[in-house]
Amino acid sequence: MFEKSPKSYTDLLGKTNRIVEGTTITGDINSPADFRLDGHLIGNFQSKGKIVIGPAGSVKGDIICKNADIEGRFEGKIQVQEILNVKSRSHIIGEVVCGKLSVEPGAEFSASCVMKPHVKNLAPNGPTKEEQSA
């Protein structure tokens, strides 16, 4: 009667990808699972899950994801489908598009911000499905 779609391998494991402190990646990352970045990324990041930028981590590029916690540095455009948490030690410069935003006191937040609570699908280069139908 009710069919549940089978969970993917990454959902079943509950694992998170991780780039450790001291590592620098130049290029784009596309991940279906959650991701923790304590190193440095110079490039774009896209995920269907959550990205966590740790206190030693930094990203210079664009991010598209479902949820994000930023404790380190970010410079670029970030598009978060659901919740963006900006921690007190973070530094954000650029553009922010998110469903919900949480900024702790002490955070450096120098960004233009648009909150879209009903964003269903964020596209890397173009309008969302919601914007196309509006």
N, C-alpha and C. Protein backbone atom coordinates (compact mmCIF):
# COMPACT_ATOMS: atom_id res chain seq x y z
N MET A 1 0.82 -1.18 0.00
CA MET A 1 0.00 0.00 0.00
C MET A 1 0.87 1.26 0.00
N PHE A 2 1.73 1.40 1.01
CA PHE A 2 2.64 2.53 1.04
C PHE A 2 4.04 2.01 0.75
N GLU A 3 4.62 2.55 -0.28
CA GLU A 3 5.96 2.12 -0.63
C GLU A 3 6.96 3.17 -0.18
N LYS A 4 7.97 2.73 0.56
CA LYS A 4 9.03 3.63 0.96
C LYS A 4 10.19 3.46 -0.01
N SER A 5 10.76 4.58 -0.42
CA SER A 5 11.91 4.47 -1.30
C SER A 5 13.10 3.98 -0.48
N PRO A 6 13.89 3.10 -1.05
CA PRO A 6 15.05 2.60 -0.30
C PRO A 6 16.05 3.72 -0.05
N LYS A 7 16.68 3.66 1.13
CA LYS A 7 17.67 4.68 1.46
C LYS A 7 18.96 4.40 0.69
N SER A 8 19.64 5.49 0.36
CA SER A 8 20.90 5.32 -0.35
C SER A 8 21.96 4.78 0.61
N TYR A 9 23.05 4.34 0.05
CA TYR A 9 24.14 3.78 0.82
C TYR A 9 24.67 4.78 1.84
N THR A 10 24.80 6.06 1.43
CA THR A 10 25.32 7.08 2.35
C THR A 10 24.33 7.39 3.47
N ASP A 11 23.03 7.34 3.18
CA ASP A 11 22.02 7.56 4.23
C ASP A 11 22.08 6.45 5.28
N LEU A 12 22.27 5.23 4.83
CA LEU A 12 22.30 4.10 5.75
C LEU A 12 23.52 4.16 6.67
N LEU A 13 24.64 4.61 6.14
CA LEU A 13 25.86 4.68 6.94
C LEU A 13 25.86 5.86 7.90
N GLY A 14 25.18 6.95 7.53
CA GLY A 14 25.19 8.14 8.37
C GLY A 14 26.57 8.78 8.44
N LYS A 15 27.36 8.61 7.41
CA LYS A 15 28.73 9.12 7.39
C LYS A 15 28.77 10.55 6.89
N THR A 16 29.83 11.24 7.26
CA THR A 16 30.08 12.60 6.81
C THR A 16 31.45 12.64 6.15
N ASN A 17 31.52 13.23 4.97
CA ASN A 17 32.82 13.46 4.32
C ASN A 17 33.57 14.49 5.13
N ARG A 18 34.90 14.41 5.12
CA ARG A 18 35.67 15.34 5.93
C ARG A 18 36.99 15.70 5.24
N ILE A 19 37.27 16.99 5.24
CA ILE A 19 38.55 17.51 4.79
C ILE A 19 39.21 18.10 6.03
N VAL A 20 40.35 17.58 6.41
CA VAL A 20 40.98 17.95 7.68
C VAL A 20 41.79 19.24 7.57
N GLU A 21 42.10 19.81 8.71
CA GLU A 21 42.88 21.03 8.82
C GLU A 21 44.24 20.83 8.15
N GLY A 22 44.68 21.85 7.43
CA GLY A 22 45.96 21.78 6.74
C GLY A 22 45.85 21.35 5.29
N THR A 23 44.69 20.86 4.88
CA THR A 23 44.47 20.42 3.50
C THR A 23 43.88 21.57 2.69
N THR A 24 44.40 21.77 1.48
CA THR A 24 43.85 22.78 0.57
C THR A 24 43.41 22.08 -0.71
N ILE A 25 42.18 22.35 -1.12
CA ILE A 25 41.65 21.80 -2.36
C ILE A 25 41.34 22.95 -3.30
N THR A 26 41.85 22.86 -4.52
CA THR A 26 41.53 23.83 -5.55
C THR A 26 40.71 23.10 -6.60
N GLY A 27 39.44 23.49 -6.73
CA GLY A 27 38.53 22.82 -7.65
C GLY A 27 37.15 22.74 -7.04
N ASP A 28 36.24 22.08 -7.72
CA ASP A 28 34.86 21.98 -7.27
C ASP A 28 34.59 20.65 -6.59
N ILE A 29 33.70 20.68 -5.60
CA ILE A 29 33.30 19.47 -4.88
C ILE A 29 31.80 19.31 -5.05
N ASN A 30 31.37 18.11 -5.41
CA ASN A 30 29.96 17.78 -5.52
C ASN A 30 29.74 16.53 -4.69
N SER A 31 28.93 16.63 -3.62
CA SER A 31 28.75 15.51 -2.71
C SER A 31 27.26 15.29 -2.41
N PRO A 32 26.79 14.05 -2.46
CA PRO A 32 25.40 13.78 -2.10
C PRO A 32 25.20 13.73 -0.58
N ALA A 33 26.28 13.61 0.18
CA ALA A 33 26.18 13.43 1.63
C ALA A 33 26.63 14.69 2.37
N ASP A 34 26.53 14.65 3.70
CA ASP A 34 27.00 15.74 4.54
C ASP A 34 28.51 15.88 4.42
N PHE A 35 29.00 17.08 4.75
CA PHE A 35 30.42 17.38 4.52
C PHE A 35 30.93 18.30 5.62
N ARG A 36 32.08 17.98 6.19
CA ARG A 36 32.74 18.85 7.16
C ARG A 36 34.07 19.29 6.59
N LEU A 37 34.29 20.61 6.60
CA LEU A 37 35.49 21.18 6.01
C LEU A 37 36.26 21.94 7.09
N ASP A 38 37.41 21.40 7.47
CA ASP A 38 38.30 22.08 8.41
C ASP A 38 39.54 22.59 7.68
N GLY A 39 39.65 22.26 6.40
CA GLY A 39 40.75 22.74 5.57
C GLY A 39 40.29 23.93 4.74
N HIS A 40 40.87 24.07 3.55
CA HIS A 40 40.58 25.22 2.69
C HIS A 40 40.10 24.74 1.33
N LEU A 41 39.04 25.36 0.83
CA LEU A 41 38.51 25.06 -0.50
C LEU A 41 38.53 26.34 -1.31
N ILE A 42 39.20 26.28 -2.45
CA ILE A 42 39.16 27.38 -3.41
C ILE A 42 38.42 26.82 -4.62
N GLY A 43 37.14 27.08 -4.67
CA GLY A 43 36.29 26.51 -5.71
C GLY A 43 34.87 26.45 -5.22
N ASN A 44 34.03 25.77 -5.96
CA ASN A 44 32.61 25.70 -5.64
C ASN A 44 32.27 24.38 -4.95
N PHE A 45 31.21 24.42 -4.15
CA PHE A 45 30.77 23.24 -3.41
C PHE A 45 29.28 23.07 -3.61
N GLN A 46 28.85 21.83 -3.88
CA GLN A 46 27.42 21.54 -4.02
C GLN A 46 27.11 20.24 -3.31
N SER A 47 26.02 20.25 -2.51
CA SER A 47 25.64 19.06 -1.76
C SER A 47 24.14 19.01 -1.56
N LYS A 48 23.61 17.78 -1.49
CA LYS A 48 22.20 17.59 -1.15
C LYS A 48 22.03 17.53 0.36
N GLY A 49 23.14 17.58 1.08
CA GLY A 49 23.12 17.50 2.54
C GLY A 49 23.57 18.78 3.18
N LYS A 50 24.29 18.63 4.28
CA LYS A 50 24.72 19.76 5.10
C LYS A 50 26.23 19.95 4.97
N ILE A 51 26.66 21.21 4.95
CA ILE A 51 28.08 21.51 5.01
C ILE A 51 28.36 22.20 6.33
N VAL A 52 29.45 21.79 6.96
CA VAL A 52 29.94 22.44 8.18
C VAL A 52 31.34 22.95 7.86
N ILE A 53 31.53 24.25 8.00
CA ILE A 53 32.86 24.84 7.85
C ILE A 53 33.37 25.09 9.26
N GLY A 54 34.35 24.31 9.68
CA GLY A 54 34.89 24.39 11.03
C GLY A 54 35.65 25.69 11.27
N PRO A 55 36.09 25.92 12.52
CA PRO A 55 36.76 27.17 12.86
C PRO A 55 38.06 27.42 12.08
N ALA A 56 38.74 26.37 11.66
CA ALA A 56 39.97 26.51 10.88
C ALA A 56 39.70 26.46 9.38
N GLY A 57 38.46 26.19 8.98
CA GLY A 57 38.11 26.01 7.58
C GLY A 57 37.80 27.31 6.86
N SER A 58 37.95 27.26 5.53
CA SER A 58 37.59 28.42 4.72
C SER A 58 37.17 27.96 3.33
N VAL A 59 36.26 28.74 2.74
CA VAL A 59 35.81 28.50 1.37
C VAL A 59 35.84 29.83 0.64
N LYS A 60 36.46 29.81 -0.54
CA LYS A 60 36.42 30.97 -1.43
C LYS A 60 35.81 30.46 -2.72
N GLY A 61 34.51 30.70 -2.89
CA GLY A 61 33.77 30.20 -4.03
C GLY A 61 32.29 30.19 -3.70
N ASP A 62 31.51 29.46 -4.45
CA ASP A 62 30.07 29.39 -4.26
C ASP A 62 29.67 28.07 -3.62
N ILE A 63 28.62 28.13 -2.79
CA ILE A 63 28.10 26.93 -2.12
C ILE A 63 26.61 26.81 -2.39
N ILE A 64 26.18 25.60 -2.72
CA ILE A 64 24.76 25.27 -2.82
C ILE A 64 24.54 24.03 -1.98
N CYS A 65 23.64 24.11 -0.99
CA CYS A 65 23.42 22.97 -0.09
C CYS A 65 22.05 23.04 0.57
N LYS A 66 21.74 22.00 1.32
CA LYS A 66 20.46 21.95 2.03
C LYS A 66 20.53 22.72 3.35
N ASN A 67 21.58 22.50 4.14
CA ASN A 67 21.80 23.19 5.41
C ASN A 67 23.28 23.53 5.52
N ALA A 68 23.59 24.55 6.35
CA ALA A 68 24.99 24.93 6.52
C ALA A 68 25.23 25.49 7.92
N ASP A 69 26.37 25.12 8.50
CA ASP A 69 26.89 25.70 9.74
C ASP A 69 28.25 26.27 9.39
N ILE A 70 28.43 27.56 9.63
CA ILE A 70 29.71 28.19 9.31
C ILE A 70 30.33 28.74 10.58
N GLU A 71 31.53 28.25 10.87
CA GLU A 71 32.29 28.72 12.02
C GLU A 71 33.60 29.34 11.57
N GLY A 72 34.01 29.07 10.34
CA GLY A 72 35.26 29.60 9.80
C GLY A 72 35.00 30.77 8.88
N ARG A 73 35.71 30.78 7.74
CA ARG A 73 35.63 31.89 6.79
C ARG A 73 34.93 31.44 5.51
N PHE A 74 34.12 32.34 4.96
CA PHE A 74 33.47 32.09 3.68
C PHE A 74 33.44 33.38 2.88
N GLU A 75 33.83 33.26 1.60
CA GLU A 75 33.77 34.40 0.70
C GLU A 75 33.19 33.93 -0.62
N GLY A 76 32.02 34.47 -1.00
CA GLY A 76 31.37 34.07 -2.24
C GLY A 76 29.87 34.16 -2.10
N LYS A 77 29.17 33.31 -2.85
CA LYS A 77 27.71 33.25 -2.79
C LYS A 77 27.31 31.91 -2.22
N ILE A 78 26.45 31.94 -1.21
CA ILE A 78 25.97 30.70 -0.61
C ILE A 78 24.46 30.64 -0.74
N GLN A 79 23.96 29.49 -1.21
CA GLN A 79 22.54 29.25 -1.35
C GLN A 79 22.18 28.04 -0.48
N VAL A 80 21.38 28.28 0.56
CA VAL A 80 21.02 27.24 1.51
C VAL A 80 19.51 27.04 1.44
N GLN A 81 19.11 25.83 1.15
CA GLN A 81 17.68 25.52 0.98
C GLN A 81 16.91 25.69 2.29
N GLU A 82 17.49 25.27 3.41
CA GLU A 82 16.77 25.32 4.68
C GLU A 82 17.41 26.33 5.64
N ILE A 83 18.31 25.90 6.52
CA ILE A 83 18.82 26.75 7.60
C ILE A 83 20.32 27.01 7.47
N LEU A 84 20.70 28.28 7.56
CA LEU A 84 22.10 28.69 7.62
C LEU A 84 22.39 29.17 9.04
N ASN A 85 23.31 28.48 9.73
CA ASN A 85 23.73 28.87 11.08
C ASN A 85 25.11 29.53 10.97
N VAL A 86 25.19 30.77 11.41
CA VAL A 86 26.44 31.52 11.38
C VAL A 86 26.93 31.63 12.82
N LYS A 87 28.05 30.98 13.11
CA LYS A 87 28.58 30.93 14.48
C LYS A 87 29.34 32.20 14.82
N SER A 88 29.61 32.41 16.10
CA SER A 88 30.19 33.66 16.59
C SER A 88 31.59 33.94 16.06
N ARG A 89 32.35 32.92 15.70
CA ARG A 89 33.73 33.10 15.22
C ARG A 89 33.82 33.17 13.70
N SER A 90 32.70 33.18 13.00
CA SER A 90 32.73 33.12 11.54
C SER A 90 32.93 34.49 10.89
N HIS A 91 33.39 34.45 9.64
CA HIS A 91 33.57 35.63 8.81
C HIS A 91 32.94 35.33 7.46
N ILE A 92 31.89 36.05 7.10
CA ILE A 92 31.19 35.81 5.84
C ILE A 92 31.18 37.10 5.03
N ILE A 93 31.63 36.99 3.78
CA ILE A 93 31.64 38.12 2.86
C ILE A 93 31.03 37.64 1.55
N GLY A 94 30.02 38.35 1.05
CA GLY A 94 29.44 37.98 -0.24
C GLY A 94 27.94 38.07 -0.28
N GLU A 95 27.31 37.02 -0.83
CA GLU A 95 25.86 36.96 -0.98
C GLU A 95 25.32 35.73 -0.28
N VAL A 96 24.14 35.89 0.34
CA VAL A 96 23.50 34.78 1.04
C VAL A 96 22.05 34.68 0.56
N VAL A 97 21.64 33.48 0.17
CA VAL A 97 20.25 33.17 -0.12
C VAL A 97 19.92 31.95 0.73
N CYS A 98 18.91 32.08 1.61
CA CYS A 98 18.61 30.96 2.50
C CYS A 98 17.13 30.93 2.86
N GLY A 99 16.71 29.82 3.41
CA GLY A 99 15.34 29.69 3.91
C GLY A 99 15.21 30.35 5.27
N LYS A 100 16.11 30.00 6.19
CA LYS A 100 16.14 30.58 7.53
C LYS A 100 17.58 30.91 7.87
N LEU A 101 17.77 31.95 8.69
CA LEU A 101 19.10 32.43 9.03
C LEU A 101 19.22 32.59 10.54
N SER A 102 20.33 32.07 11.09
CA SER A 102 20.65 32.23 12.51
C SER A 102 22.06 32.78 12.60
N VAL A 103 22.22 33.97 13.21
CA VAL A 103 23.53 34.59 13.34
C VAL A 103 23.82 34.81 14.81
N GLU A 104 24.91 34.21 15.30
CA GLU A 104 25.30 34.39 16.70
C GLU A 104 26.01 35.73 16.87
N PRO A 105 25.88 36.36 18.04
CA PRO A 105 26.60 37.61 18.31
C PRO A 105 28.10 37.39 18.17
N GLY A 106 28.78 38.36 17.56
CA GLY A 106 30.23 38.27 17.36
C GLY A 106 30.62 37.86 15.96
N ALA A 107 29.68 37.35 15.19
CA ALA A 107 29.98 36.93 13.82
C ALA A 107 30.21 38.15 12.93
N GLU A 108 31.14 38.02 12.00
CA GLU A 108 31.34 39.07 10.99
C GLU A 108 30.51 38.67 9.78
N PHE A 109 29.46 39.43 9.52
CA PHE A 109 28.52 39.10 8.45
C PHE A 109 28.41 40.30 7.52
N SER A 110 29.24 40.34 6.49
CA SER A 110 29.25 41.43 5.52
C SER A 110 28.73 40.88 4.20
N ALA A 111 27.42 40.68 4.15
CA ALA A 111 26.83 40.04 2.98
C ALA A 111 25.44 40.58 2.71
N SER A 112 25.06 40.55 1.43
CA SER A 112 23.66 40.81 1.12
C SER A 112 22.92 39.52 1.41
N CYS A 113 21.71 39.63 1.93
CA CYS A 113 20.99 38.43 2.36
C CYS A 113 19.55 38.47 1.86
N VAL A 114 19.12 37.37 1.25
CA VAL A 114 17.74 37.19 0.82
C VAL A 114 17.24 35.91 1.46
N MET A 115 16.12 36.03 2.19
CA MET A 115 15.53 34.84 2.81
C MET A 115 14.31 34.44 2.00
N LYS A 116 14.31 33.20 1.54
CA LYS A 116 13.22 32.65 0.75
C LYS A 116 12.73 31.39 1.44
N PRO A 117 11.71 31.50 2.28
CA PRO A 117 11.29 30.34 3.08
C PRO A 117 10.73 29.16 2.30
N HIS A 118 10.35 29.38 1.04
CA HIS A 118 9.74 28.28 0.29
C HIS A 118 10.60 27.82 -0.88
N VAL A 119 11.91 27.96 -0.75
CA VAL A 119 12.80 27.52 -1.81
C VAL A 119 12.78 26.00 -1.85
N LYS A 120 12.46 25.45 -3.01
CA LYS A 120 12.39 23.99 -3.14
C LYS A 120 13.62 23.43 -3.85
N ASN A 121 14.12 24.15 -4.83
CA ASN A 121 15.24 23.65 -5.61
C ASN A 121 16.14 24.81 -6.00
N LEU A 122 17.39 24.78 -5.57
CA LEU A 122 18.33 25.82 -5.93
C LEU A 122 19.17 25.35 -7.10
N ALA A 123 19.21 26.17 -8.13
CA ALA A 123 19.99 25.84 -9.31
C ALA A 123 21.30 26.60 -9.27
N PRO A 124 22.41 25.98 -9.72
CA PRO A 124 23.70 26.65 -9.66
C PRO A 124 23.78 27.89 -10.55
N ASN A 125 23.13 27.86 -11.69
CA ASN A 125 23.21 29.00 -12.62
C ASN A 125 21.82 29.31 -13.17
N GLY A 126 21.01 29.95 -12.38
CA GLY A 126 19.70 30.30 -12.89
C GLY A 126 18.69 30.41 -11.78
N PRO A 127 17.48 30.78 -12.13
CA PRO A 127 16.46 30.96 -11.13
C PRO A 127 15.97 29.63 -10.55
N THR A 128 15.38 29.71 -9.38
CA THR A 128 14.79 28.54 -8.77
C THR A 128 13.48 28.22 -9.49
N LYS A 129 12.92 27.04 -9.26
CA LYS A 129 11.64 26.69 -9.84
C LYS A 129 10.57 27.67 -9.39
N GLU A 130 10.69 28.14 -8.14
CA GLU A 130 9.73 29.11 -7.60
C GLU A 130 9.81 30.43 -8.36
N GLU A 131 11.01 30.88 -8.68
CA GLU A 131 11.18 32.14 -9.39
C GLU A 131 10.68 32.03 -10.82
N GLN A 132 10.82 30.86 -11.43
CA GLN A 132 10.35 30.69 -12.79
C GLN A 132 8.85 30.76 -12.88
N SER A 133 8.13 30.29 -11.86
CA SER A 133 6.68 30.27 -11.90
C SER A 133 6.09 31.59 -11.42
N ALA A 134 6.88 32.46 -10.83
CA ALA A 134 6.37 33.73 -10.31
C ALA A 134 6.22 34.76 -11.40
